[in-house]
Protein backbone atom coordinates (compact mmCIF):
# COMPACT_ATOMS: atom_id res chain seq x y z
CA MET A 1 154.14 224.69 207.78
CA GLU A 2 155.45 225.21 204.30
CA SER A 3 158.80 223.78 205.34
CA MET A 4 157.09 220.59 206.68
CA ASP A 5 155.21 220.18 203.40
CA LEU A 6 158.46 220.63 201.48
CA ASN A 7 160.22 218.03 203.66
CA ARG A 8 157.35 215.60 203.12
CA ALA A 9 157.55 216.13 199.36
CA ILE A 10 161.28 215.52 199.40
CA VAL A 11 160.87 212.34 201.49
CA PHE A 12 158.10 211.17 199.18
CA CYS A 13 160.31 211.72 196.10
CA ILE A 14 163.20 209.85 197.73
CA TRP A 15 160.96 206.89 198.58
CA LEU A 16 159.48 206.98 195.08
CA VAL A 17 162.96 206.82 193.55
CA LEU A 18 163.98 203.98 195.89
CA ILE A 19 160.80 201.98 195.21
CA SER A 20 161.10 202.56 191.45
CA GLY A 21 164.71 201.40 191.50
CA ALA A 22 163.78 198.32 193.52
CA ALA A 23 160.92 197.55 191.09
CA ILE A 24 163.23 197.88 188.09
CA SER A 25 165.82 195.67 189.77
CA CYS A 26 163.19 193.04 190.63
CA PHE A 27 161.83 193.12 187.09
CA GLY A 28 165.35 192.70 185.65
CA LEU A 29 166.05 189.83 188.06
CA TRP A 30 162.75 188.20 187.07
CA GLN A 31 163.57 188.57 183.34
CA ASN A 32 167.04 187.10 183.84
CA SER A 33 165.58 184.23 185.87
CA ARG A 34 163.13 183.50 183.05
CA LYS A 35 165.91 183.60 180.48
CA TYR A 36 168.08 181.26 182.54
CA ALA A 37 165.23 178.82 183.18
CA GLU A 38 164.39 178.71 179.46
CA TRP A 39 168.08 178.32 178.54
CA LYS A 40 168.44 175.45 181.02
CA ARG A 41 165.32 173.70 179.67
CA ILE A 42 166.46 173.98 176.03
CA LYS A 43 170.01 172.91 176.92
CA ALA A 44 168.66 169.77 178.59
CA ALA A 45 166.53 168.91 175.55
CA HIS A 46 169.14 169.49 172.80
CA ASP A 47 172.74 168.51 172.23
CA GLY A 48 173.44 171.58 170.09
CA ASP A 49 174.36 175.11 171.08
CA VAL A 50 171.73 177.36 172.68
CA LEU A 51 171.80 180.81 171.10
CA PRO A 52 169.71 183.98 171.36
CA VAL A 53 167.02 184.43 168.71
CA ASP A 54 168.65 187.00 166.42
CA ASP A 55 169.45 187.77 162.81
CA ARG A 56 170.84 184.27 162.25
CA LEU A 57 167.25 183.65 161.20
CA GLN A 58 166.85 185.22 157.78
CA SER A 59 163.60 186.27 156.12
CA GLY A 60 162.52 183.76 153.50
CA ALA A 61 164.15 180.78 155.27
CA ALA A 62 162.11 177.58 155.02
CA GLY A 63 161.28 175.18 157.83
CA THR A 64 158.54 173.27 159.60
CA ILE A 65 155.95 173.84 162.31
CA ILE A 66 154.79 171.02 164.58
CA PRO A 67 151.95 171.54 167.09
CA ILE A 68 152.85 170.56 170.67
CA SER A 69 150.07 168.63 172.37
CA LYS A 70 149.80 169.60 176.05
CA GLN A 71 147.40 166.76 176.80
CA ASN A 72 149.54 164.04 175.26
CA PRO A 73 153.11 165.08 174.34
CA ASN A 74 153.69 161.68 172.65
CA GLU A 75 150.68 162.03 170.37
CA LYS A 76 151.52 161.91 166.65
CA THR A 77 150.99 165.39 165.21
CA PRO A 78 151.11 166.72 161.64
CA THR A 79 154.07 168.66 160.27
CA PHE A 80 153.43 171.87 158.32
CA HIS A 81 155.67 173.66 155.86
CA ALA A 82 156.76 177.10 157.11
CA GLU A 83 158.50 180.15 155.73
CA LEU A 84 159.89 182.90 157.95
CA ASP A 85 158.47 186.24 156.77
CA HIS A 86 160.33 188.58 159.12
CA ILE A 87 161.36 189.10 162.73
CA GLU A 88 159.91 191.80 164.96
CA LYS A 89 161.06 192.86 168.41
CA ARG A 90 158.51 190.65 170.18
CA HIS A 91 157.18 188.43 167.40
CA LEU A 92 158.11 186.12 164.54
CA LEU A 93 155.90 186.33 161.44
CA VAL A 94 155.61 182.98 159.65
CA ASN A 95 153.70 181.75 156.60
CA MET A 96 152.42 178.21 157.07
CA GLU A 97 150.96 175.69 154.62
CA PRO A 98 150.16 171.95 154.63
CA ASP A 99 150.59 169.70 151.60
CA SER A 100 147.56 168.61 149.58
CA GLU A 101 147.28 165.19 151.26
CA MET A 102 147.39 166.79 154.70
CA ILE A 103 144.58 169.19 153.77
CA GLN A 104 142.35 166.21 153.04
CA ASN A 105 143.21 164.36 156.25
CA ILE A 106 143.31 167.22 158.78
CA LYS A 107 140.14 168.46 160.42
CA MET A 108 140.16 172.10 159.39
CA ALA A 109 139.34 174.70 162.03
CA GLY A 110 138.21 177.65 159.95
CA GLY A 111 141.13 177.10 157.59
CA HIS A 112 143.68 177.35 160.44
CA PHE A 113 144.27 173.56 160.57
CA GLY A 114 143.89 173.58 164.34
CA ILE A 115 146.76 176.01 164.97
CA VAL A 116 145.12 179.01 166.60
CA ALA A 117 146.06 181.70 169.13
CA GLY A 118 147.43 180.09 172.29
CA SER A 119 148.67 176.91 170.54
CA ALA A 120 152.14 175.75 171.54
CA VAL A 121 154.31 174.91 168.53
CA ASN A 122 157.83 173.81 167.66
CA LEU A 123 159.36 175.86 164.84
CA THR A 124 162.36 174.55 162.90
CA ILE A 125 164.13 176.92 160.51
CA THR A 126 166.66 175.68 157.94
CA THR A 127 169.57 177.93 157.01
CA LYS A 128 172.63 177.29 154.87
CA HIS A 129 174.76 175.94 157.70
CA ALA A 130 172.44 174.71 160.43
CA LEU A 131 168.96 173.97 161.69
CA TYR A 132 167.46 176.13 164.42
CA GLN A 133 164.65 174.89 166.67
CA LEU A 134 162.40 177.13 168.77
CA ASP A 135 159.52 176.33 171.11
CA THR A 136 156.99 179.14 171.14
CA VAL A 137 153.30 180.07 171.29
CA VAL A 138 150.95 181.31 168.57
CA VAL A 139 149.86 184.91 169.22
CA SER A 140 147.51 185.16 166.23
CA SER A 141 146.51 183.04 163.25
CA GLU A 142 145.03 184.49 160.06
CA VAL A 143 144.07 182.79 156.80
CA ASP A 144 145.96 184.30 153.86
CA SER A 145 143.25 185.73 151.58
CA GLU A 146 145.67 186.11 148.67
CA ARG A 147 147.05 182.56 148.79
CA PRO A 148 144.40 179.89 149.54
CA GLY A 149 145.54 177.09 151.82
CA ARG A 150 148.15 179.23 153.58
CA VAL A 151 148.00 180.74 157.03
CA LYS A 152 149.83 183.76 158.47
CA LEU A 153 151.07 183.13 162.00
CA ARG A 154 152.37 185.64 164.52
CA LEU A 155 154.49 183.76 167.05
CA ALA A 156 155.86 184.99 170.35
CA ARG A 157 159.59 185.56 170.00
CA PRO A 158 161.42 183.41 172.57
CA PHE A 159 164.73 184.31 174.16
CA TRP A 160 166.65 181.27 172.92
CA MET A 161 166.86 178.74 170.12
CA ALA A 162 168.81 175.50 169.71
CA ARG A 163 171.28 175.19 166.85
CA ILE A 164 171.45 171.73 165.33
CA GLN A 165 174.25 171.24 162.83
CA ARG A 166 173.04 169.94 159.50
CA ARG A 167 173.99 166.29 159.09
CA LYS A 168 175.47 165.29 155.74
CA HIS A 169 173.19 162.82 154.02
CA VAL A 170 174.47 159.62 152.48
CA ARG A 171 173.99 159.94 148.72
CA VAL A 172 173.87 156.86 146.48
CA PRO A 173 173.54 156.45 142.73
CA LEU A 174 170.34 154.67 141.69
CA SER A 175 168.82 153.32 138.52
CA ALA A 176 165.11 154.07 138.86
CA HIS A 177 162.48 156.24 137.26
CA ALA A 178 160.89 159.30 138.87
CA LEU A 179 157.65 160.92 137.74
CA PHE A 180 157.51 164.60 138.68
CA ASP A 181 155.24 167.55 138.05
CA TYR A 182 154.46 170.99 139.46
CA ALA A 183 153.03 171.00 142.99
CA GLU A 184 151.84 174.60 142.63
CA ALA A 185 150.71 175.22 139.07
CA ALA A 186 147.76 177.21 137.80
CA PRO A 187 145.64 175.29 135.29
CA PRO A 188 146.29 174.17 132.66
CA ALA A 189 149.28 172.48 134.33
CA PRO A 190 152.04 170.98 132.15
CA ASP A 191 152.08 167.20 131.80
CA PRO A 192 154.22 165.27 134.31
CA ILE A 193 157.69 164.25 133.12
CA MET A 194 159.19 160.79 133.54
CA GLY A 195 162.85 161.22 134.42
CA GLN A 196 165.69 159.04 135.59
CA ILE A 197 167.13 159.22 139.11
CA VAL A 198 170.85 160.02 139.07
CA ASN A 199 171.37 159.85 142.82
CA LEU A 200 169.25 159.97 145.96
CA SER A 201 169.81 160.98 149.58
CA GLY A 202 167.73 161.58 152.66
CA GLY A 203 167.81 165.28 151.86
CA GLY A 204 167.20 165.39 148.13
CA VAL A 205 167.24 163.85 144.70
CA ARG A 206 168.97 164.53 141.38
CA VAL A 207 167.14 163.52 138.22
CA GLU A 208 167.77 163.78 134.51
CA MET A 209 165.44 163.53 131.56
CA GLY A 210 167.21 160.35 130.45
CA ARG A 211 166.91 161.10 126.75
CA PRO A 212 168.76 163.39 124.34
CA CYS A 213 167.15 166.69 123.40
CA THR A 214 167.95 169.67 121.22
CA ALA A 215 169.41 172.95 122.48
CA ASN A 216 165.98 174.62 122.29
CA GLU A 217 164.31 171.78 124.21
CA ALA A 218 167.03 171.96 126.89
CA GLU A 219 166.53 175.71 127.21
CA GLU A 220 162.77 175.25 127.59
CA LEU A 221 163.29 172.66 130.35
CA LEU A 222 165.73 174.92 132.18
CA SER A 223 163.18 177.75 132.12
CA ARG A 224 160.42 175.43 133.41
CA TYR A 225 162.36 174.29 136.47
CA GLU A 226 163.89 177.44 137.91
CA PRO A 227 165.38 177.29 141.46
CA GLY A 228 162.61 177.53 144.02
CA THR A 229 160.02 175.66 141.93
CA LEU A 230 158.05 173.21 144.08
CA LEU A 231 157.71 169.76 142.51
CA ARG A 232 155.80 166.62 143.41
CA PHE A 233 157.90 163.44 143.00
CA ARG A 234 156.70 159.88 142.62
CA LEU A 235 159.80 157.72 142.93
CA GLY A 236 159.90 154.45 141.03
CA LEU A 237 160.84 152.51 144.15
CA PRO A 238 158.71 149.68 145.60
CA ALA A 239 158.59 151.28 149.06
CA PHE A 240 157.20 154.53 147.64
CA ARG A 241 154.58 153.17 145.29
CA GLY A 242 151.61 155.55 145.43
CA THR A 243 153.45 158.04 147.66
CA ALA A 244 154.28 161.56 146.48
CA LEU A 245 157.14 163.56 147.99
CA LEU A 246 157.47 167.32 147.72
CA ALA A 247 160.83 168.80 146.72
CA ARG A 248 162.06 172.25 145.83
CA VAL A 249 164.43 172.83 142.90
CA CYS A 250 167.91 173.92 144.04
CA SER A 251 169.74 173.97 140.72
CA ARG A 252 169.59 172.67 137.16
CA GLN A 253 172.15 172.23 134.42
CA ARG A 254 172.70 170.99 130.88
CA THR A 255 174.74 167.84 130.31
CA VAL A 256 176.18 166.48 127.10
CA VAL A 257 175.04 162.97 126.17
CA ARG A 258 175.27 160.82 123.08
CA GLY A 259 172.87 162.23 120.52
CA GLY A 260 172.50 165.72 121.98
CA LEU A 261 171.93 167.39 125.36
CA ASP A 262 170.23 166.35 128.59
CA VAL A 263 169.07 168.34 131.62
CA GLN A 264 169.70 167.45 135.27
CA ILE A 265 167.66 168.89 138.13
CA ALA A 266 168.86 168.85 141.76
CA CYS A 267 166.07 169.14 144.35
CA GLU A 268 165.88 169.32 148.13
CA PHE A 269 163.07 167.39 149.80
CA MET A 270 160.54 169.38 151.75
CA PRO A 271 159.78 168.17 155.31
CA MET A 272 158.06 164.80 155.17
CA ALA A 273 156.30 162.46 157.57
CA SER A 274 158.63 160.55 159.90
CA TRP A 275 157.65 157.18 158.42
CA GLU A 276 158.47 158.47 154.91
CA GLN A 277 161.86 159.72 156.11
CA GLU A 278 162.61 156.35 157.73
CA LEU A 279 161.59 154.46 154.56
CA LEU A 280 163.78 156.72 152.44
CA ILE A 281 166.83 156.38 154.70
CA SER A 282 166.37 152.60 154.93
CA HIS A 283 166.20 152.28 151.16
CA ILE A 284 169.32 154.44 150.71
CA PHE A 285 171.36 152.42 153.22
CA ARG A 286 170.18 149.19 151.61
CA ALA A 287 171.21 150.47 148.17
CA GLN A 288 174.55 151.56 149.59
CA ARG A 289 175.18 148.09 151.03
CA VAL A 290 174.37 146.49 147.68
CA LEU A 291 176.68 148.93 145.89
CA LEU A 292 179.57 148.32 148.28
CA LYS A 293 179.07 144.55 148.07
CA SER A 294 179.13 144.60 144.26
CA ARG A 295 182.27 146.75 144.28
CA PHE A 296 183.94 144.36 146.72
CA GLN A 297 183.04 141.30 144.62
CA SER A 298 184.24 142.93 141.39
CA SER A 299 187.58 143.75 143.01
CA GLN A 300 188.21 140.11 143.99
CA PRO A 301 190.53 138.15 141.68
CA ALA A 302 188.89 135.40 139.66
CA ALA A 303 189.41 131.89 141.02
């Protein structure tokens, strides 16, 4: 009797091992099938490389978040500024914020701006060499109590992301004014400064004060506009009258001009509405055509 019970126990253990192995194999096959299906979908949607979500995404990298409408995929949706906090094994932690105009126009859902748990979103992260795009789902959404207007998002970490090589923007010299001030300044905020555009591209702008200043004044300006400072630009261009663009300071430098020193500030535009991007690119190409035409005419011999 004892021997029969022992045989049954052995048979049971064997079957348990076989069933467990089969379950593990099925689960692995299912995971690989999911990964392949997601890879195939992303590959069909993007021309760039499809890569695993890994440490190519660095904490502190900036980007955008766009809600994906399941009811109407072609519906125009707002674009939010995003900053990657850090990457966990199963999640991506992201800080999200809209600009001031968006806050006024968006119907706020408890301060979450309509992006809540279960929302499908497209996340774009900008690194030094490329753009990475990920489609994912919001796991949780929490208003940041320490920084009003910002939201902490926990996103499901997908298997893959698409790498889109950064396109080099056409940059043209311009002669136009630009009024800029702090976008995030505690009151009392410094007065806006009227500068002169040195050159402009679809990705950024370089401005200078346009007037000579002393060494002390130049030092004070350099300290005011440290890299990372978020500025609000109003470009003195007809197409952008009344429109403010957000840009983050990349670098600044002193320049020597007649009568003293000047300061130049190079800024990278933050994500903007598609119509603003199209207006900006159109203006730049138009300015480039005018510049090339004038150069061609000046090179022609006089009749």
